[in-house]
Amino acid sequence: MKKCNVIGLDLAKNVIQVCKISSDGELIYNKAVSPNKLRQLLVKEKSSIVALEGCGSCHYWGRLAQQYGHNLHIKKPC
C-alpha cells in the first residue's frame, strides 16, 4: 500500500485550520489560513489524502482538492 500524507481541514467562513501529517505520522504543520491561501496550498501540495468533516462547504472544497489530484475523505458528523 502506498503511503500518503494526510491534510486535515477544519472548515469555517473566514479562517480554515489546516494540518498536514506525514506518511510516518509526524505533524508537519498546523496553521490557520484564509480560503484563498487554502486554494494555493491545494495546488502546490503533492497528492495527499484530504480529510474533512461533512458540512455545508465540504463538497466545494472536496471537489477542488480532487481537481488538484488529492484523494478525498469526508466524515459524516455525529
PDB file of N, CA and C in Angstrom:
ATOM      1  N   MET A   1       0.839  -1.184   0.000  1.00  0.00           N
ATOM      2  CA  MET A   1       0.000   0.000   0.000  1.00  0.00           C
ATOM      3  C   MET A   1       0.882   1.244   0.000  1.00  0.00           C
ATOM      4  N   LYS A   2       0.554   2.184  -0.858  1.00  0.00           N
ATOM      5  CA  LYS A   2       1.310   3.416  -0.957  1.00  0.00           C
ATOM      6  C   LYS A   2       0.981   4.312   0.229  1.00  0.00           C
ATOM      7  N   LYS A   3       2.019   4.859   0.854  1.00  0.00           N
ATOM      8  CA  LYS A   3       1.796   5.764   1.977  1.00  0.00           C
ATOM      9  C   LYS A   3       1.612   7.180   1.441  1.00  0.00           C
ATOM     10  N   CYS A   4       0.656   7.890   2.016  1.00  0.00           N
ATOM     11  CA  CYS A   4       0.371   9.260   1.596  1.00  0.00           C
ATOM     12  C   CYS A   4       0.382  10.179   2.803  1.00  0.00           C
ATOM     13  N   ASN A   5       0.653  11.437   2.531  1.00  0.00           N
ATOM     14  CA  ASN A   5       0.457  12.460   3.546  1.00  0.00           C
ATOM     15  C   ASN A   5      -1.034  12.664   3.740  1.00  0.00           C
ATOM     16  N   VAL A   6      -1.414  13.168   4.903  1.00  0.00           N
ATOM     17  CA  VAL A   6      -2.811  13.497   5.174  1.00  0.00           C
ATOM     18  C   VAL A   6      -2.898  14.980   5.460  1.00  0.00           C
ATOM     19  N   ILE A   7      -3.833  15.647   4.799  1.00  0.00           N
ATOM     20  CA  ILE A   7      -4.113  17.057   5.060  1.00  0.00           C
ATOM     21  C   ILE A   7      -5.503  17.117   5.663  1.00  0.00           C
ATOM     22  N   GLY A   8      -5.585  17.566   6.901  1.00  0.00           N
ATOM     23  CA  GLY A   8      -6.859  17.695   7.592  1.00  0.00           C
ATOM     24  C   GLY A   8      -7.341  19.124   7.549  1.00  0.00           C
ATOM     25  N   LEU A   9      -8.617  19.306   7.230  1.00  0.00           N
ATOM     26  CA  LEU A   9      -9.199  20.643   7.134  1.00  0.00           C
ATOM     27  C   LEU A   9     -10.334  20.806   8.134  1.00  0.00           C
ATOM     28  N   ASP A  10     -10.313  21.900   8.870  1.00  0.00           N
ATOM     29  CA  ASP A  10     -11.425  22.299   9.728  1.00  0.00           C
ATOM     30  C   ASP A  10     -11.993  23.560   9.095  1.00  0.00           C
ATOM     31  N   LEU A  11     -13.117  23.413   8.410  1.00  0.00           N
ATOM     32  CA  LEU A  11     -13.669  24.491   7.598  1.00  0.00           C
ATOM     33  C   LEU A  11     -14.456  25.493   8.424  1.00  0.00           C
ATOM     34  N   ALA A  12     -14.319  26.754   8.074  1.00  0.00           N
ATOM     35  CA  ALA A  12     -15.075  27.847   8.660  1.00  0.00           C
ATOM     36  C   ALA A  12     -15.242  28.903   7.565  1.00  0.00           C
ATOM     37  N   LYS A  13     -15.862  30.024   7.889  1.00  0.00           N
ATOM     38  CA  LYS A  13     -16.119  31.034   6.865  1.00  0.00           C
ATOM     39  C   LYS A  13     -14.859  31.790   6.453  1.00  0.00           C
ATOM     40  N   ASN A  14     -14.158  32.383   7.408  1.00  0.00           N
ATOM     41  CA  ASN A  14     -13.040  33.268   7.073  1.00  0.00           C
ATOM     42  C   ASN A  14     -11.672  32.671   7.336  1.00  0.00           C
ATOM     43  N   VAL A  15     -11.577  31.735   8.256  1.00  0.00           N
ATOM     44  CA  VAL A  15     -10.300  31.119   8.602  1.00  0.00           C
ATOM     45  C   VAL A  15     -10.479  29.605   8.599  1.00  0.00           C
ATOM     46  N   ILE A  16      -9.578  28.913   7.935  1.00  0.00           N
ATOM     47  CA  ILE A  16      -9.634  27.455   7.844  1.00  0.00           C
ATOM     48  C   ILE A  16      -8.377  26.897   8.494  1.00  0.00           C
ATOM     49  N   GLN A  17      -8.563  25.987   9.431  1.00  0.00           N
ATOM     50  CA  GLN A  17      -7.430  25.357  10.097  1.00  0.00           C
ATOM     51  C   GLN A  17      -6.960  24.178   9.245  1.00  0.00           C
ATOM     52  N   VAL A  18      -5.672  24.148   8.954  1.00  0.00           N
ATOM     53  CA  VAL A  18      -5.102  23.113   8.101  1.00  0.00           C
ATOM     54  C   VAL A  18      -3.951  22.445   8.844  1.00  0.00           C
ATOM     55  N   CYS A  19      -3.989  21.128   8.936  1.00  0.00           N
ATOM     56  CA  CYS A  19      -2.839  20.419   9.484  1.00  0.00           C
ATOM     57  C   CYS A  19      -2.410  19.366   8.476  1.00  0.00           C
ATOM     58  N   LYS A  20      -1.104  19.161   8.402  1.00  0.00           N
ATOM     59  CA  LYS A  20      -0.547  18.165   7.491  1.00  0.00           C
ATOM     60  C   LYS A  20       0.243  17.173   8.317  1.00  0.00           C
ATOM     61  N   ILE A  21      -0.041  15.893   8.095  1.00  0.00           N
ATOM     62  CA  ILE A  21       0.630  14.818   8.806  1.00  0.00           C
ATOM     63  C   ILE A  21       1.347  13.959   7.766  1.00  0.00           C
ATOM     64  N   SER A  22       2.598  13.659   8.024  1.00  0.00           N
ATOM     65  CA  SER A  22       3.402  12.879   7.078  1.00  0.00           C
ATOM     66  C   SER A  22       2.917  11.434   7.034  1.00  0.00           C
ATOM     67  N   SER A  23       3.412  10.706   6.066  1.00  0.00           N
ATOM     68  CA  SER A  23       3.052   9.285   5.944  1.00  0.00           C
ATOM     69  C   SER A  23       3.576   8.470   7.122  1.00  0.00           C
ATOM     70  N   ASP A  24       4.535   9.025   7.879  1.00  0.00           N
ATOM     71  CA  ASP A  24       5.064   8.368   9.074  1.00  0.00           C
ATOM     72  C   ASP A  24       4.311   8.769  10.339  1.00  0.00           C
ATOM     73  N   GLY A  25       3.317   9.642  10.216  1.00  0.00           N
ATOM     74  CA  GLY A  25       2.513  10.061  11.357  1.00  0.00           C
ATOM     75  C   GLY A  25       3.041  11.271  12.102  1.00  0.00           C
ATOM     76  N   GLU A  26       4.009  11.972  11.541  1.00  0.00           N
ATOM     77  CA  GLU A  26       4.570  13.148  12.185  1.00  0.00           C
ATOM     78  C   GLU A  26       3.868  14.412  11.695  1.00  0.00           C
ATOM     79  N   LEU A  27       3.619  15.340  12.624  1.00  0.00           N
ATOM     80  CA  LEU A  27       2.989  16.608  12.285  1.00  0.00           C
ATOM     81  C   LEU A  27       3.977  17.468  11.504  1.00  0.00           C
ATOM     82  N   ILE A  28       3.593  17.887  10.320  1.00  0.00           N
ATOM     83  CA  ILE A  28       4.439  18.748   9.501  1.00  0.00           C
ATOM     84  C   ILE A  28       4.101  20.210   9.770  1.00  0.00           C
ATOM     85  N   TYR A  29       2.811  20.538   9.761  1.00  0.00           N
ATOM     86  CA  TYR A  29       2.377  21.876  10.153  1.00  0.00           C
ATOM     87  C   TYR A  29       0.925  21.852  10.588  1.00  0.00           C
ATOM     88  N   ASN A  30       0.552  22.886  11.324  1.00  0.00           N
ATOM     89  CA  ASN A  30      -0.818  23.102  11.776  1.00  0.00           C
ATOM     90  C   ASN A  30      -1.004  24.608  11.816  1.00  0.00           C
ATOM     91  N   LYS A  31      -1.773  25.144  10.863  1.00  0.00           N
ATOM     92  CA  LYS A  31      -1.882  26.591  10.757  1.00  0.00           C
ATOM     93  C   LYS A  31      -3.266  27.009  10.290  1.00  0.00           C
ATOM     94  N   ALA A  32      -3.597  28.243  10.577  1.00  0.00           N
ATOM     95  CA  ALA A  32      -4.850  28.841  10.121  1.00  0.00           C
ATOM     96  C   ALA A  32      -4.568  29.612   8.832  1.00  0.00           C
ATOM     97  N   VAL A  33      -5.422  29.402   7.826  1.00  0.00           N
ATOM     98  CA  VAL A  33      -5.238  30.075   6.541  1.00  0.00           C
ATOM     99  C   VAL A  33      -6.572  30.636   6.059  1.00  0.00           C
ATOM    100  N   SER A  34      -6.482  31.578   5.148  1.00  0.00           N
ATOM    101  CA  SER A  34      -7.684  32.129   4.512  1.00  0.00           C
ATOM    102  C   SER A  34      -8.129  31.161   3.409  1.00  0.00           C
ATOM    103  N   PRO A  35      -9.378  31.274   2.959  1.00  0.00           N
ATOM    104  CA  PRO A  35      -9.823  30.421   1.852  1.00  0.00           C
ATOM    105  C   PRO A  35      -8.943  30.546   0.603  1.00  0.00           C
ATOM    106  N   ASN A  36      -8.477  31.750   0.296  1.00  0.00           N
ATOM    107  CA  ASN A  36      -7.611  31.941  -0.868  1.00  0.00           C
ATOM    108  C   ASN A  36      -6.278  31.212  -0.685  1.00  0.00           C
ATOM    109  N   LYS A  37      -5.699  31.281   0.509  1.00  0.00           N
ATOM    110  CA  LYS A  37      -4.443  30.582   0.788  1.00  0.00           C
ATOM    111  C   LYS A  37      -4.639  29.061   0.729  1.00  0.00           C
ATOM    112  N   LEU A  38      -5.817  28.587   1.134  1.00  0.00           N
ATOM    113  CA  LEU A  38      -6.095  27.154   1.054  1.00  0.00           C
ATOM    114  C   LEU A  38      -6.102  26.686  -0.394  1.00  0.00           C
ATOM    115  N   ARG A  39      -6.687  27.467  -1.275  1.00  0.00           N
ATOM    116  CA  ARG A  39      -6.678  27.116  -2.701  1.00  0.00           C
ATOM    117  C   ARG A  39      -5.236  26.983  -3.191  1.00  0.00           C
ATOM    118  N   GLN A  40      -4.395  27.954  -2.836  1.00  0.00           N
ATOM    119  CA  GLN A  40      -2.989  27.922  -3.248  1.00  0.00           C
ATOM    120  C   GLN A  40      -2.276  26.707  -2.664  1.00  0.00           C
ATOM    121  N   LEU A  41      -2.571  26.380  -1.420  1.00  0.00           N
ATOM    122  CA  LEU A  41      -1.951  25.241  -0.753  1.00  0.00           C
ATOM    123  C   LEU A  41      -2.324  23.935  -1.453  1.00  0.00           C
ATOM    124  N   LEU A  42      -3.593  23.787  -1.828  1.00  0.00           N
ATOM    125  CA  LEU A  42      -4.032  22.569  -2.511  1.00  0.00           C
ATOM    126  C   LEU A  42      -3.366  22.411  -3.873  1.00  0.00           C
ATOM    127  N   VAL A  43      -3.092  23.524  -4.520  1.00  0.00           N
ATOM    128  CA  VAL A  43      -2.431  23.479  -5.827  1.00  0.00           C
ATOM    129  C   VAL A  43      -0.990  23.012  -5.678  1.00  0.00           C
ATOM    130  N   LYS A  44      -0.265  23.520  -4.690  1.00  0.00           N
ATOM    131  CA  LYS A  44       1.174  23.249  -4.603  1.00  0.00           C
ATOM    132  C   LYS A  44       1.523  21.943  -3.881  1.00  0.00           C
ATOM    133  N   GLU A  45       0.636  21.409  -3.041  1.00  0.00           N
ATOM    134  CA  GLU A  45       0.937  20.174  -2.312  1.00  0.00           C
ATOM    135  C   GLU A  45       0.897  18.975  -3.255  1.00  0.00           C
ATOM    136  N   LYS A  46       1.778  18.004  -2.984  1.00  0.00           N
ATOM    137  CA  LYS A  46       1.737  16.774  -3.773  1.00  0.00           C
ATOM    138  C   LYS A  46       0.477  15.999  -3.396  1.00  0.00           C
ATOM    139  N   SER A  47       0.133  15.024  -4.203  1.00  0.00           N
ATOM    140  CA  SER A  47      -1.084  14.249  -3.987  1.00  0.00           C
ATOM    141  C   SER A  47      -1.130  13.687  -2.571  1.00  0.00           C
ATOM    142  N   SER A  48      -2.200  13.996  -1.849  1.00  0.00           N
ATOM    143  CA  SER A  48      -2.366  13.611  -0.448  1.00  0.00           C
ATOM    144  C   SER A  48      -3.800  13.180  -0.212  1.00  0.00           C
ATOM    145  N   ILE A  49      -4.045  12.641   0.959  1.00  0.00           N
ATOM    146  CA  ILE A  49      -5.409  12.391   1.403  1.00  0.00           C
ATOM    147  C   ILE A  49      -5.888  13.672   2.078  1.00  0.00           C
ATOM    148  N   VAL A  50      -7.002  14.204   1.623  1.00  0.00           N
ATOM    149  CA  VAL A  50      -7.595  15.398   2.243  1.00  0.00           C
ATOM    150  C   VAL A  50      -8.805  14.927   3.039  1.00  0.00           C
ATOM    151  N   ALA A  51      -8.743  15.130   4.345  1.00  0.00           N
ATOM    152  CA  ALA A  51      -9.807  14.681   5.238  1.00  0.00           C
ATOM    153  C   ALA A  51     -10.513  15.889   5.835  1.00  0.00           C
ATOM    154  N   LEU A  52     -11.856  15.854   5.813  1.00  0.00           N
ATOM    155  CA  LEU A  52     -12.631  16.933   6.399  1.00  0.00           C
ATOM    156  C   LEU A  52     -13.975  16.421   6.875  1.00  0.00           C
ATOM    157  N   GLU A  53     -14.561  17.174   7.777  1.00  0.00           N
ATOM    158  CA  GLU A  53     -15.863  16.806   8.322  1.00  0.00           C
ATOM    159  C   GLU A  53     -16.962  17.336   7.416  1.00  0.00           C
ATOM    160  N   GLY A  54     -18.025  16.559   7.279  1.00  0.00           N
ATOM    161  CA  GLY A  54     -19.147  16.970   6.452  1.00  0.00           C
ATOM    162  C   GLY A  54     -19.796  18.238   6.985  1.00  0.00           C
ATOM    163  N   CYS A  55     -19.956  19.229   6.120  1.00  0.00           N
ATOM    164  CA  CYS A  55     -20.624  20.481   6.476  1.00  0.00           C
ATOM    165  C   CYS A  55     -21.098  21.126   5.175  1.00  0.00           C
ATOM    166  N   GLY A  56     -21.607  22.325   5.268  1.00  0.00           N
ATOM    167  CA  GLY A  56     -22.177  22.989   4.104  1.00  0.00           C
ATOM    168  C   GLY A  56     -21.207  23.220   2.959  1.00  0.00           C
ATOM    169  N   SER A  57     -19.936  23.476   3.272  1.00  0.00           N
ATOM    170  CA  SER A  57     -18.976  23.789   2.213  1.00  0.00           C
ATOM    171  C   SER A  57     -18.004  22.655   1.913  1.00  0.00           C
ATOM    172  N   CYS A  58     -18.184  21.498   2.539  1.00  0.00           N
ATOM    173  CA  CYS A  58     -17.200  20.420   2.367  1.00  0.00           C
ATOM    174  C   CYS A  58     -17.164  19.888   0.936  1.00  0.00           C
ATOM    175  N   HIS A  59     -18.284  19.867   0.244  1.00  0.00           N
ATOM    176  CA  HIS A  59     -18.288  19.335  -1.118  1.00  0.00           C
ATOM    177  C   HIS A  59     -17.573  20.279  -2.083  1.00  0.00           C
ATOM    178  N   TYR A  60     -17.686  21.576  -1.851  1.00  0.00           N
ATOM    179  CA  TYR A  60     -16.945  22.546  -2.663  1.00  0.00           C
ATOM    180  C   TYR A  60     -15.443  22.306  -2.519  1.00  0.00           C
ATOM    181  N   TRP A  61     -14.970  22.267  -1.270  1.00  0.00           N
ATOM    182  CA  TRP A  61     -13.540  22.082  -1.024  1.00  0.00           C
ATOM    183  C   TRP A  61     -13.094  20.688  -1.468  1.00  0.00           C
ATOM    184  N   GLY A  62     -13.946  19.705  -1.313  1.00  0.00           N
ATOM    185  CA  GLY A  62     -13.608  18.358  -1.753  1.00  0.00           C
ATOM    186  C   GLY A  62     -13.419  18.270  -3.252  1.00  0.00           C
ATOM    187  N   ARG A  63     -14.328  18.871  -4.000  1.00  0.00           N
ATOM    188  CA  ARG A  63     -14.186  18.863  -5.463  1.00  0.00           C
ATOM    189  C   ARG A  63     -12.916  19.593  -5.884  1.00  0.00           C
ATOM    190  N   LEU A  64     -12.616  20.694  -5.215  1.00  0.00           N
ATOM    191  CA  LEU A  64     -11.410  21.458  -5.536  1.00  0.00           C
ATOM    192  C   LEU A  64     -10.161  20.616  -5.251  1.00  0.00           C
ATOM    193  N   ALA A  65     -10.142  19.928  -4.120  1.00  0.00           N
ATOM    194  CA  ALA A  65      -8.999  19.072  -3.780  1.00  0.00           C
ATOM    195  C   ALA A  65      -8.837  17.959  -4.811  1.00  0.00           C
ATOM    196  N   GLN A  66      -9.936  17.336  -5.204  1.00  0.00           N
ATOM    197  CA  GLN A  66      -9.872  16.261  -6.198  1.00  0.00           C
ATOM    198  C   GLN A  66      -9.392  16.785  -7.546  1.00  0.00           C
ATOM    199  N   GLN A  67      -9.783  18.001  -7.878  1.00  0.00           N
ATOM    200  CA  GLN A  67      -9.361  18.619  -9.132  1.00  0.00           C
ATOM    201  C   GLN A  67      -7.839  18.736  -9.195  1.00  0.00           C
ATOM    202  N   TYR A  68      -7.189  18.915  -8.039  1.00  0.00           N
ATOM    203  CA  TYR A  68      -5.735  19.046  -7.989  1.00  0.00           C
ATOM    204  C   TYR A  68      -5.041  17.728  -7.649  1.00  0.00           C
ATOM    205  N   GLY A  69      -5.748  16.596  -7.760  1.00  0.00           N
ATOM    206  CA  GLY A  69      -5.135  15.287  -7.647  1.00  0.00           C
ATOM    207  C   GLY A  69      -5.107  14.675  -6.260  1.00  0.00           C
ATOM    208  N   HIS A  70      -5.831  15.237  -5.312  1.00  0.00           N
ATOM    209  CA  HIS A  70      -5.867  14.698  -3.955  1.00  0.00           C
ATOM    210  C   HIS A  70      -6.998  13.674  -3.821  1.00  0.00           C
ATOM    211  N   ASN A  71      -6.840  12.755  -2.877  1.00  0.00           N
ATOM    212  CA  ASN A  71      -7.897  11.801  -2.546  1.00  0.00           C
ATOM    213  C   ASN A  71      -8.725  12.401  -1.420  1.00  0.00           C
ATOM    214  N   LEU A  72     -10.022  12.237  -1.482  1.00  0.00           N
ATOM    215  CA  LEU A  72     -10.927  12.904  -0.555  1.00  0.00           C
ATOM    216  C   LEU A  72     -11.557  11.910   0.419  1.00  0.00           C
ATOM    217  N   HIS A  73     -11.611  12.310   1.688  1.00  0.00           N
ATOM    218  CA  HIS A  73     -12.301  11.545   2.717  1.00  0.00           C
ATOM    219  C   HIS A  73     -13.157  12.526   3.516  1.00  0.00           C
ATOM    220  N   ILE A  74     -14.488  12.367   3.450  1.00  0.00           N
ATOM    221  CA  ILE A  74     -15.412  13.222   4.202  1.00  0.00           C
ATOM    222  C   ILE A  74     -16.021  12.378   5.313  1.00  0.00           C
ATOM    223  N   LYS A  75     -15.928  12.870   6.536  1.00  0.00           N
ATOM    224  CA  LYS A  75     -16.519  12.185   7.683  1.00  0.00           C
ATOM    225  C   LYS A  75     -17.868  12.815   7.972  1.00  0.00           C
ATOM    226  N   LYS A  76     -18.886  11.980   8.069  1.00  0.00           N
ATOM    227  CA  LYS A  76     -20.217  12.492   8.426  1.00  0.00           C
ATOM    228  C   LYS A  76     -20.220  12.916   9.890  1.00  0.00           C
ATOM    229  N   PRO A  77     -20.837  14.066  10.186  1.00  0.00           N
ATOM    230  CA  PRO A  77     -20.898  14.495  11.582  1.00  0.00           C
ATOM    231  C   PRO A  77     -21.767  13.542  12.417  1.00  0.00           C
ATOM    232  N   CYS A  78     -21.455  13.449  13.685  1.00  0.00           N
ATOM    233  CA  CYS A  78     -22.213  12.552  14.578  1.00  0.00           C
ATOM    234  C   CYS A  78     -23.605  13.053  14.837  1.00  0.00           C
TER     235      CYS A  78
END
